[in-house]
N, C-alpha and C. Protein backbone atom coordinates (compact mmCIF):
# COMPACT_ATOMS: atom_id res chain seq x y z
N ILE A 1 63.03 60.61 -53.51
CA ILE A 1 63.73 60.87 -52.27
C ILE A 1 64.68 62.03 -52.53
N THR A 2 64.64 63.03 -51.68
CA THR A 2 65.51 64.20 -51.84
C THR A 2 66.25 64.43 -50.54
N GLY A 3 67.54 64.69 -50.66
CA GLY A 3 68.34 64.97 -49.47
C GLY A 3 69.29 66.12 -49.75
N THR A 4 69.65 66.83 -48.72
CA THR A 4 70.58 67.95 -48.88
C THR A 4 71.72 67.76 -47.90
N SER A 5 72.91 67.91 -48.42
CA SER A 5 74.10 67.84 -47.57
C SER A 5 74.97 69.02 -47.93
N GLY A 6 74.94 70.02 -47.09
CA GLY A 6 75.73 71.22 -47.38
C GLY A 6 75.18 71.88 -48.61
N SER A 7 76.00 72.10 -49.59
CA SER A 7 75.56 72.72 -50.83
C SER A 7 75.26 71.68 -51.89
N LEU A 8 75.36 70.41 -51.55
CA LEU A 8 75.14 69.33 -52.51
C LEU A 8 73.72 68.78 -52.33
N SER A 9 73.00 68.67 -53.41
CA SER A 9 71.64 68.16 -53.37
C SER A 9 71.57 66.92 -54.26
N HIS A 10 70.79 65.93 -53.81
CA HIS A 10 70.68 64.68 -54.57
C HIS A 10 69.21 64.25 -54.59
N SER A 11 68.74 63.85 -55.74
CA SER A 11 67.35 63.44 -55.87
C SER A 11 67.30 62.09 -56.60
N THR A 12 66.48 61.16 -56.10
CA THR A 12 66.29 59.85 -56.71
C THR A 12 64.79 59.55 -56.77
N THR A 13 64.37 59.01 -57.88
CA THR A 13 62.96 58.62 -58.02
C THR A 13 62.89 57.10 -57.90
N LEU A 14 61.99 56.67 -57.07
CA LEU A 14 61.78 55.23 -56.85
C LEU A 14 60.46 54.86 -57.51
N SER A 15 60.50 53.83 -58.33
CA SER A 15 59.30 53.39 -59.03
C SER A 15 58.96 51.97 -58.57
N LEU A 16 57.73 51.75 -58.13
CA LEU A 16 57.26 50.43 -57.69
C LEU A 16 56.20 49.93 -58.66
N THR A 17 56.31 48.68 -59.01
CA THR A 17 55.29 48.04 -59.84
C THR A 17 54.66 46.94 -59.00
N ILE A 18 53.37 47.04 -58.80
CA ILE A 18 52.65 46.03 -58.04
C ILE A 18 51.78 45.28 -59.04
N PRO A 19 52.09 44.00 -59.22
CA PRO A 19 51.31 43.24 -60.20
C PRO A 19 49.85 43.13 -59.78
N ALA A 20 48.97 43.12 -60.75
CA ALA A 20 47.54 42.95 -60.47
C ALA A 20 47.30 41.54 -59.96
N HIS A 21 46.36 41.41 -59.06
CA HIS A 21 45.99 40.09 -58.54
C HIS A 21 44.89 39.53 -59.42
N ASN A 22 45.17 38.41 -60.07
CA ASN A 22 44.17 37.75 -60.87
C ASN A 22 43.29 36.91 -59.96
N ALA A 23 42.00 36.95 -60.22
CA ALA A 23 41.07 36.13 -59.43
C ALA A 23 41.38 34.66 -59.67
N PRO A 24 41.13 33.80 -58.69
CA PRO A 24 41.32 32.37 -58.90
C PRO A 24 40.27 31.86 -59.91
N SER A 25 40.45 30.63 -60.35
CA SER A 25 39.47 30.03 -61.27
C SER A 25 39.01 28.70 -60.72
N ILE A 26 37.78 28.32 -61.08
CA ILE A 26 37.21 27.07 -60.59
C ILE A 26 36.16 26.56 -61.57
N SER A 27 36.11 25.24 -61.72
CA SER A 27 35.07 24.62 -62.53
C SER A 27 34.74 23.26 -61.93
N ILE A 28 33.48 22.88 -62.03
CA ILE A 28 33.05 21.57 -61.53
C ILE A 28 33.33 20.54 -62.62
N THR A 29 34.04 19.48 -62.25
CA THR A 29 34.37 18.41 -63.19
C THR A 29 33.45 17.20 -63.04
N ALA A 30 32.78 17.08 -61.90
CA ALA A 30 31.82 16.00 -61.66
C ALA A 30 30.86 16.46 -60.58
N PRO A 31 29.61 16.14 -60.71
CA PRO A 31 28.96 15.34 -61.75
C PRO A 31 28.75 16.17 -63.01
N ALA A 32 28.34 15.50 -64.07
CA ALA A 32 28.06 16.19 -65.33
C ALA A 32 26.78 17.01 -65.20
N ASN A 33 26.73 18.10 -65.95
CA ASN A 33 25.52 18.92 -65.95
C ASN A 33 24.34 18.07 -66.45
N ASN A 34 23.19 18.24 -65.82
CA ASN A 34 21.96 17.50 -66.11
C ASN A 34 22.08 16.01 -65.79
N GLY A 35 22.97 15.67 -64.87
CA GLY A 35 23.10 14.28 -64.43
C GLY A 35 21.89 13.84 -63.64
N THR A 36 21.62 12.53 -63.68
CA THR A 36 20.50 11.96 -62.92
C THR A 36 21.02 10.89 -61.98
N PHE A 37 20.40 10.84 -60.81
CA PHE A 37 20.81 9.92 -59.75
C PHE A 37 19.57 9.36 -59.07
N LEU A 38 19.74 8.22 -58.40
CA LEU A 38 18.65 7.64 -57.62
C LEU A 38 18.67 8.18 -56.20
N VAL A 39 17.49 8.25 -55.60
CA VAL A 39 17.36 8.67 -54.21
C VAL A 39 18.31 7.84 -53.35
N GLY A 40 18.95 8.50 -52.40
CA GLY A 40 19.87 7.81 -51.50
C GLY A 40 21.28 7.69 -52.03
N SER A 41 21.52 8.16 -53.25
CA SER A 41 22.87 8.07 -53.84
C SER A 41 23.86 8.92 -53.07
N ASN A 42 25.11 8.51 -53.13
CA ASN A 42 26.23 9.32 -52.67
C ASN A 42 26.83 9.95 -53.92
N ILE A 43 26.79 11.27 -54.00
CA ILE A 43 27.22 11.98 -55.20
C ILE A 43 28.54 12.67 -54.92
N THR A 44 29.57 12.30 -55.68
CA THR A 44 30.88 12.93 -55.53
C THR A 44 30.95 14.16 -56.41
N ILE A 45 31.25 15.29 -55.78
CA ILE A 45 31.41 16.55 -56.49
C ILE A 45 32.91 16.83 -56.58
N GLY A 46 33.40 16.97 -57.79
CA GLY A 46 34.82 17.23 -58.00
C GLY A 46 35.00 18.55 -58.72
N VAL A 47 36.06 19.28 -58.36
CA VAL A 47 36.32 20.56 -59.02
C VAL A 47 37.80 20.68 -59.38
N GLN A 48 38.06 21.54 -60.35
CA GLN A 48 39.41 21.94 -60.71
C GLN A 48 39.51 23.40 -60.27
N ALA A 49 40.45 23.70 -59.38
CA ALA A 49 40.62 25.07 -58.88
C ALA A 49 42.09 25.46 -58.97
N SER A 50 42.33 26.74 -59.28
CA SER A 50 43.70 27.23 -59.33
C SER A 50 43.73 28.71 -58.97
N ALA A 51 44.92 29.17 -58.56
CA ALA A 51 45.12 30.57 -58.20
C ALA A 51 46.47 31.00 -58.75
N THR A 52 46.49 32.03 -59.58
CA THR A 52 47.73 32.54 -60.16
C THR A 52 48.33 33.58 -59.22
N GLY A 53 49.59 33.40 -58.84
CA GLY A 53 50.25 34.34 -57.95
C GLY A 53 49.81 34.20 -56.51
N ALA A 54 49.07 33.15 -56.21
CA ALA A 54 48.59 32.89 -54.85
C ALA A 54 48.37 31.39 -54.75
N SER A 55 47.86 30.94 -53.63
CA SER A 55 47.53 29.53 -53.49
C SER A 55 46.05 29.39 -53.14
N VAL A 56 45.50 28.24 -53.45
CA VAL A 56 44.10 27.98 -53.11
C VAL A 56 44.02 27.75 -51.61
N SER A 57 43.21 28.55 -50.93
CA SER A 57 43.04 28.40 -49.48
C SER A 57 41.88 27.49 -49.14
N GLN A 58 40.80 27.59 -49.92
CA GLN A 58 39.61 26.79 -49.61
C GLN A 58 38.74 26.65 -50.85
N VAL A 59 38.08 25.50 -50.94
CA VAL A 59 37.04 25.28 -51.94
C VAL A 59 35.79 24.87 -51.17
N ALA A 60 34.73 25.64 -51.35
CA ALA A 60 33.44 25.35 -50.71
C ALA A 60 32.50 24.77 -51.77
N PHE A 61 31.70 23.80 -51.37
CA PHE A 61 30.74 23.13 -52.25
C PHE A 61 29.34 23.54 -51.83
N LEU A 62 28.56 24.05 -52.78
CA LEU A 62 27.24 24.57 -52.45
C LEU A 62 26.14 23.91 -53.26
N GLN A 63 24.99 23.76 -52.63
CA GLN A 63 23.76 23.32 -53.28
C GLN A 63 22.80 24.47 -53.06
N GLY A 64 22.58 25.27 -54.12
CA GLY A 64 21.83 26.51 -53.94
C GLY A 64 22.62 27.41 -53.02
N ALA A 65 21.98 27.90 -51.94
CA ALA A 65 22.66 28.76 -50.97
C ALA A 65 23.21 27.98 -49.79
N VAL A 66 23.02 26.67 -49.79
CA VAL A 66 23.44 25.81 -48.67
C VAL A 66 24.85 25.29 -48.93
N THR A 67 25.75 25.51 -47.97
CA THR A 67 27.11 24.97 -48.08
C THR A 67 27.10 23.52 -47.63
N LEU A 68 27.50 22.64 -48.53
CA LEU A 68 27.55 21.20 -48.23
C LEU A 68 28.83 20.83 -47.48
N GLY A 69 29.89 21.62 -47.66
CA GLY A 69 31.17 21.35 -47.02
C GLY A 69 32.26 22.11 -47.73
N ALA A 70 33.47 22.01 -47.20
CA ALA A 70 34.62 22.70 -47.78
C ALA A 70 35.87 21.87 -47.56
N VAL A 71 36.86 22.06 -48.45
CA VAL A 71 38.15 21.40 -48.32
C VAL A 71 39.23 22.46 -48.51
N THR A 72 40.40 22.19 -47.95
CA THR A 72 41.50 23.16 -48.01
C THR A 72 42.71 22.66 -48.79
N GLN A 73 42.63 21.45 -49.32
CA GLN A 73 43.74 20.96 -50.13
C GLN A 73 43.22 20.01 -51.20
N ALA A 74 44.02 19.89 -52.25
CA ALA A 74 43.67 18.99 -53.36
C ALA A 74 43.77 17.55 -52.88
N PRO A 75 43.01 16.64 -53.44
CA PRO A 75 42.04 16.87 -54.52
C PRO A 75 40.79 17.56 -53.97
N TYR A 76 40.22 18.42 -54.77
CA TYR A 76 39.07 19.21 -54.34
C TYR A 76 37.79 18.44 -54.66
N THR A 77 37.44 17.53 -53.75
CA THR A 77 36.24 16.71 -53.91
C THR A 77 35.47 16.67 -52.61
N LEU A 78 34.18 16.42 -52.75
CA LEU A 78 33.30 16.25 -51.60
C LEU A 78 32.25 15.22 -51.98
N THR A 79 31.95 14.30 -51.09
CA THR A 79 30.89 13.33 -51.34
C THR A 79 29.65 13.76 -50.56
N TRP A 80 28.60 14.04 -51.28
CA TRP A 80 27.30 14.41 -50.72
C TRP A 80 26.55 13.10 -50.53
N THR A 81 26.24 12.74 -49.30
CA THR A 81 25.71 11.40 -49.00
C THR A 81 24.19 11.38 -48.86
N SER A 82 23.64 10.23 -49.23
CA SER A 82 22.21 9.94 -49.07
C SER A 82 21.32 11.08 -49.54
N VAL A 83 21.49 11.46 -50.79
CA VAL A 83 20.79 12.62 -51.33
C VAL A 83 19.30 12.30 -51.53
N ALA A 84 18.45 13.21 -51.08
CA ALA A 84 17.00 13.08 -51.20
C ALA A 84 16.54 13.44 -52.61
N ALA A 85 15.32 13.05 -52.94
CA ALA A 85 14.74 13.36 -54.25
C ALA A 85 14.64 14.87 -54.43
N GLY A 86 14.91 15.33 -55.65
CA GLY A 86 14.78 16.74 -55.95
C GLY A 86 15.65 17.15 -57.11
N SER A 87 15.47 18.39 -57.52
CA SER A 87 16.32 19.00 -58.55
C SER A 87 17.26 19.95 -57.84
N TYR A 88 18.54 19.87 -58.14
CA TYR A 88 19.54 20.64 -57.41
C TYR A 88 20.44 21.40 -58.36
N GLN A 89 20.91 22.56 -57.90
CA GLN A 89 21.92 23.33 -58.62
C GLN A 89 23.17 23.38 -57.75
N LEU A 90 24.25 22.83 -58.26
CA LEU A 90 25.51 22.77 -57.52
C LEU A 90 26.48 23.83 -58.04
N THR A 91 27.20 24.46 -57.12
CA THR A 91 28.28 25.36 -57.48
C THR A 91 29.43 25.12 -56.50
N ALA A 92 30.58 25.64 -56.86
CA ALA A 92 31.74 25.58 -55.97
C ALA A 92 32.37 26.96 -55.95
N LYS A 93 32.89 27.33 -54.78
CA LYS A 93 33.51 28.65 -54.63
C LYS A 93 34.93 28.47 -54.12
N VAL A 94 35.88 29.10 -54.82
CA VAL A 94 37.28 29.03 -54.42
C VAL A 94 37.68 30.36 -53.78
N THR A 95 38.48 30.26 -52.73
CA THR A 95 39.09 31.44 -52.10
C THR A 95 40.59 31.22 -52.12
N ASP A 96 41.35 32.26 -52.57
CA ASP A 96 42.81 32.11 -52.60
C ASP A 96 43.46 32.80 -51.40
N SER A 97 44.77 32.63 -51.29
CA SER A 97 45.53 33.14 -50.13
C SER A 97 45.58 34.66 -50.07
N LEU A 98 45.18 35.34 -51.13
CA LEU A 98 45.15 36.81 -51.13
C LEU A 98 43.73 37.34 -50.96
N GLY A 99 42.78 36.43 -50.70
CA GLY A 99 41.40 36.84 -50.48
C GLY A 99 40.55 36.88 -51.73
N GLY A 100 41.13 36.54 -52.87
CA GLY A 100 40.36 36.52 -54.11
C GLY A 100 39.40 35.34 -54.13
N THR A 101 38.25 35.53 -54.76
CA THR A 101 37.25 34.46 -54.84
C THR A 101 36.72 34.32 -56.26
N ALA A 102 36.19 33.16 -56.55
CA ALA A 102 35.51 32.90 -57.82
C ALA A 102 34.50 31.78 -57.56
N THR A 103 33.41 31.82 -58.31
CA THR A 103 32.37 30.80 -58.21
C THR A 103 32.22 30.12 -59.56
N SER A 104 32.05 28.82 -59.52
CA SER A 104 31.93 28.02 -60.75
C SER A 104 30.61 28.27 -61.46
N THR A 105 30.57 27.85 -62.70
CA THR A 105 29.31 27.79 -63.44
C THR A 105 28.47 26.71 -62.78
N PRO A 106 27.16 26.93 -62.61
CA PRO A 106 26.32 25.93 -61.95
C PRO A 106 26.22 24.63 -62.75
N VAL A 107 26.04 23.55 -62.01
CA VAL A 107 25.77 22.23 -62.58
C VAL A 107 24.43 21.79 -62.00
N ASN A 108 23.51 21.39 -62.86
CA ASN A 108 22.19 20.95 -62.43
C ASN A 108 22.12 19.43 -62.42
N ILE A 109 21.50 18.89 -61.37
CA ILE A 109 21.29 17.44 -61.29
C ILE A 109 19.86 17.16 -60.81
N VAL A 110 19.39 15.96 -61.09
CA VAL A 110 18.08 15.51 -60.64
C VAL A 110 18.28 14.19 -59.90
N VAL A 111 17.66 14.10 -58.72
CA VAL A 111 17.70 12.87 -57.93
C VAL A 111 16.26 12.37 -57.84
N SER A 112 16.04 11.15 -58.33
CA SER A 112 14.69 10.60 -58.42
C SER A 112 14.61 9.25 -57.74
N PRO A 113 13.38 8.89 -57.32
CA PRO A 113 13.20 7.53 -56.80
C PRO A 113 13.33 6.52 -57.93
N PRO A 114 13.64 5.27 -57.62
CA PRO A 114 13.76 4.27 -58.68
C PRO A 114 12.42 4.01 -59.35
N VAL A 115 12.46 3.62 -60.60
CA VAL A 115 11.25 3.27 -61.33
C VAL A 115 10.70 1.99 -60.73
N SER A 116 9.38 1.96 -60.56
CA SER A 116 8.75 0.73 -60.05
C SER A 116 7.56 0.38 -60.94
N ILE A 117 7.31 -0.91 -61.04
CA ILE A 117 6.19 -1.41 -61.84
C ILE A 117 5.39 -2.35 -60.95
N SER A 118 4.09 -2.11 -60.91
CA SER A 118 3.21 -3.04 -60.19
C SER A 118 2.20 -3.60 -61.19
N VAL A 119 1.86 -4.87 -61.00
CA VAL A 119 0.93 -5.56 -61.89
C VAL A 119 -0.23 -6.07 -61.06
N ALA A 120 -1.45 -5.89 -61.61
CA ALA A 120 -2.64 -6.40 -60.92
C ALA A 120 -3.44 -7.24 -61.92
N PRO A 121 -3.91 -8.37 -61.52
CA PRO A 121 -3.61 -9.00 -60.24
C PRO A 121 -2.18 -9.53 -60.22
N ALA A 122 -1.61 -9.62 -59.01
CA ALA A 122 -0.23 -10.08 -58.86
C ALA A 122 -0.11 -11.56 -59.21
N THR A 123 -1.07 -12.36 -58.83
CA THR A 123 -1.09 -13.78 -59.19
C THR A 123 -2.54 -14.16 -59.50
N VAL A 124 -2.70 -15.13 -60.36
CA VAL A 124 -4.04 -15.61 -60.73
C VAL A 124 -3.91 -17.05 -61.22
N THR A 125 -4.93 -17.85 -60.96
CA THR A 125 -4.98 -19.22 -61.47
C THR A 125 -6.10 -19.27 -62.49
N LEU A 126 -5.80 -19.76 -63.69
CA LEU A 126 -6.77 -19.79 -64.78
C LEU A 126 -6.98 -21.21 -65.27
N THR A 127 -8.12 -21.41 -65.90
CA THR A 127 -8.40 -22.68 -66.56
C THR A 127 -8.14 -22.50 -68.06
N ALA A 128 -8.20 -23.57 -68.81
CA ALA A 128 -7.95 -23.53 -70.25
C ALA A 128 -8.88 -22.52 -70.93
N ASN A 129 -8.31 -21.75 -71.85
CA ASN A 129 -9.01 -20.73 -72.64
C ASN A 129 -9.59 -19.57 -71.83
N GLN A 130 -9.32 -19.50 -70.56
CA GLN A 130 -9.89 -18.43 -69.73
C GLN A 130 -9.10 -17.13 -69.94
N PRO A 131 -9.81 -16.01 -70.13
CA PRO A 131 -9.11 -14.72 -70.28
C PRO A 131 -8.88 -14.06 -68.91
N GLN A 132 -7.88 -13.22 -68.86
CA GLN A 132 -7.61 -12.44 -67.64
C GLN A 132 -6.99 -11.11 -68.06
N GLN A 133 -7.59 -10.02 -67.61
CA GLN A 133 -7.04 -8.69 -67.89
C GLN A 133 -6.00 -8.36 -66.81
N PHE A 134 -4.80 -8.02 -67.27
CA PHE A 134 -3.75 -7.55 -66.36
C PHE A 134 -3.58 -6.05 -66.59
N THR A 135 -3.26 -5.33 -65.55
CA THR A 135 -2.92 -3.91 -65.67
C THR A 135 -1.56 -3.69 -65.02
N ALA A 136 -0.81 -2.81 -65.65
CA ALA A 136 0.51 -2.48 -65.11
C ALA A 136 0.54 -0.98 -64.81
N THR A 137 1.09 -0.64 -63.65
CA THR A 137 1.25 0.76 -63.26
C THR A 137 2.74 1.02 -63.10
N VAL A 138 3.21 2.02 -63.84
CA VAL A 138 4.64 2.38 -63.80
C VAL A 138 4.75 3.69 -63.04
N ASN A 139 5.61 3.72 -62.03
CA ASN A 139 5.79 4.90 -61.19
C ASN A 139 7.19 5.48 -61.31
N ASN A 140 7.30 6.77 -61.05
CA ASN A 140 8.57 7.51 -60.96
C ASN A 140 9.30 7.67 -62.29
N THR A 141 8.53 7.74 -63.37
CA THR A 141 9.10 8.01 -64.68
C THR A 141 8.02 8.56 -65.59
N SER A 142 8.43 9.26 -66.61
CA SER A 142 7.46 9.73 -67.61
C SER A 142 7.22 8.66 -68.67
N HIS A 143 8.03 7.61 -68.68
CA HIS A 143 7.90 6.51 -69.65
C HIS A 143 7.03 5.42 -69.04
N THR A 144 5.72 5.49 -69.27
CA THR A 144 4.80 4.58 -68.60
C THR A 144 4.26 3.47 -69.49
N ASN A 145 4.71 3.39 -70.73
CA ASN A 145 4.27 2.30 -71.61
C ASN A 145 4.93 1.00 -71.19
N VAL A 146 4.18 -0.09 -71.27
CA VAL A 146 4.72 -1.41 -70.98
C VAL A 146 4.48 -2.31 -72.18
N SER A 147 5.28 -3.35 -72.28
CA SER A 147 5.03 -4.39 -73.28
C SER A 147 4.97 -5.72 -72.54
N TRP A 148 4.09 -6.58 -73.01
CA TRP A 148 3.85 -7.86 -72.38
C TRP A 148 4.44 -8.96 -73.24
N SER A 149 4.95 -10.01 -72.61
CA SER A 149 5.45 -11.16 -73.38
C SER A 149 5.19 -12.44 -72.62
N LEU A 150 5.14 -13.54 -73.37
CA LEU A 150 4.88 -14.86 -72.81
C LEU A 150 6.02 -15.80 -73.19
N PRO A 151 6.34 -16.76 -72.32
CA PRO A 151 7.39 -17.70 -72.68
C PRO A 151 6.95 -18.70 -73.74
N SER A 152 5.65 -19.04 -73.79
CA SER A 152 5.21 -20.01 -74.80
C SER A 152 3.70 -19.94 -75.00
N ALA A 153 2.93 -20.74 -74.29
CA ALA A 153 1.51 -20.93 -74.55
C ALA A 153 0.65 -19.76 -74.12
N GLY A 154 -0.49 -19.64 -74.79
CA GLY A 154 -1.43 -18.57 -74.50
C GLY A 154 -1.13 -17.35 -75.35
N THR A 155 -1.99 -16.33 -75.21
CA THR A 155 -1.78 -15.08 -75.94
C THR A 155 -1.99 -13.92 -74.99
N ILE A 156 -1.37 -12.81 -75.32
CA ILE A 156 -1.59 -11.58 -74.55
C ILE A 156 -1.58 -10.41 -75.52
N THR A 157 -2.52 -9.51 -75.34
CA THR A 157 -2.63 -8.36 -76.22
C THR A 157 -1.73 -7.24 -75.69
N PRO A 158 -1.47 -6.21 -76.52
CA PRO A 158 -0.69 -5.07 -76.05
C PRO A 158 -1.35 -4.36 -74.85
N ALA A 159 -2.67 -4.54 -74.70
CA ALA A 159 -3.39 -3.92 -73.58
C ALA A 159 -3.36 -4.79 -72.32
N GLY A 160 -2.74 -5.97 -72.38
CA GLY A 160 -2.60 -6.83 -71.21
C GLY A 160 -3.69 -7.87 -71.02
N LEU A 161 -4.49 -8.14 -72.05
CA LEU A 161 -5.52 -9.17 -71.95
C LEU A 161 -4.89 -10.52 -72.31
N TYR A 162 -4.80 -11.37 -71.30
CA TYR A 162 -4.19 -12.70 -71.46
C TYR A 162 -5.30 -13.72 -71.65
N THR A 163 -5.06 -14.66 -72.57
CA THR A 163 -5.96 -15.80 -72.74
C THR A 163 -5.13 -17.06 -72.58
N ALA A 164 -5.55 -17.89 -71.62
CA ALA A 164 -4.83 -19.14 -71.35
C ALA A 164 -4.96 -20.06 -72.56
N PRO A 165 -3.98 -20.93 -72.77
CA PRO A 165 -4.05 -21.86 -73.90
C PRO A 165 -5.16 -22.90 -73.70
N ALA A 166 -5.53 -23.55 -74.79
CA ALA A 166 -6.58 -24.58 -74.72
C ALA A 166 -6.12 -25.76 -73.87
N SER A 167 -4.83 -26.01 -73.85
CA SER A 167 -4.27 -27.10 -73.06
C SER A 167 -3.10 -26.55 -72.26
N ILE A 168 -3.17 -26.70 -70.96
CA ILE A 168 -2.11 -26.17 -70.09
C ILE A 168 -1.30 -27.35 -69.55
N GLY A 169 -0.04 -27.45 -69.98
CA GLY A 169 0.83 -28.53 -69.54
C GLY A 169 1.63 -28.14 -68.29
N THR A 170 2.08 -26.91 -68.23
CA THR A 170 2.87 -26.46 -67.08
C THR A 170 2.42 -25.05 -66.69
N GLN A 171 2.85 -24.64 -65.54
CA GLN A 171 2.53 -23.29 -65.08
C GLN A 171 3.14 -22.25 -66.02
N GLN A 172 2.39 -21.21 -66.34
CA GLN A 172 2.85 -20.15 -67.24
C GLN A 172 3.17 -18.89 -66.43
N THR A 173 4.15 -18.14 -66.91
CA THR A 173 4.51 -16.87 -66.29
C THR A 173 4.41 -15.79 -67.35
N VAL A 174 3.72 -14.70 -66.99
CA VAL A 174 3.60 -13.54 -67.88
C VAL A 174 4.68 -12.54 -67.45
N THR A 175 5.42 -12.00 -68.42
CA THR A 175 6.50 -11.05 -68.13
C THR A 175 6.16 -9.71 -68.71
N ILE A 176 6.41 -8.65 -67.96
CA ILE A 176 6.24 -7.31 -68.51
C ILE A 176 7.58 -6.61 -68.53
N THR A 177 7.75 -5.70 -69.49
CA THR A 177 8.97 -4.89 -69.55
C THR A 177 8.58 -3.44 -69.81
């Protein structure tokens, strides 16, 4: 700033320092990366968000490019309800009061139908020493091996071939796991 008054001159230099705006930070705290859930689950997504020199204005929760919802105050959580089967990539995006944004590292989850086991035949009546082949079908998992067990009388092979005992005193139940 320079001014002149008569024959007197005065000069002053003004120096301004404008601090840099740091971007906000955000990370997903739940669910865990590579988490697994059953179809129809309600999945709570939680994040830790902060803004230095500003305040958090909004946290948006995304599944791929789809926004699941947003919140404007802590705690920064959202419950995603009745989730369908599939593999999903979750992220969260924070916006601060100065317009700064940041996106979290992705978290991957898998939502699967429950494991089911069917046995054929479902029921059978046998006579003494009579064999019966049972088959088990395991669905919705890569672990399809089954093991067979009996409470007492008779025998069953690892392949599910049951042979009734020579003498049957009570009704027998075959269990698979």
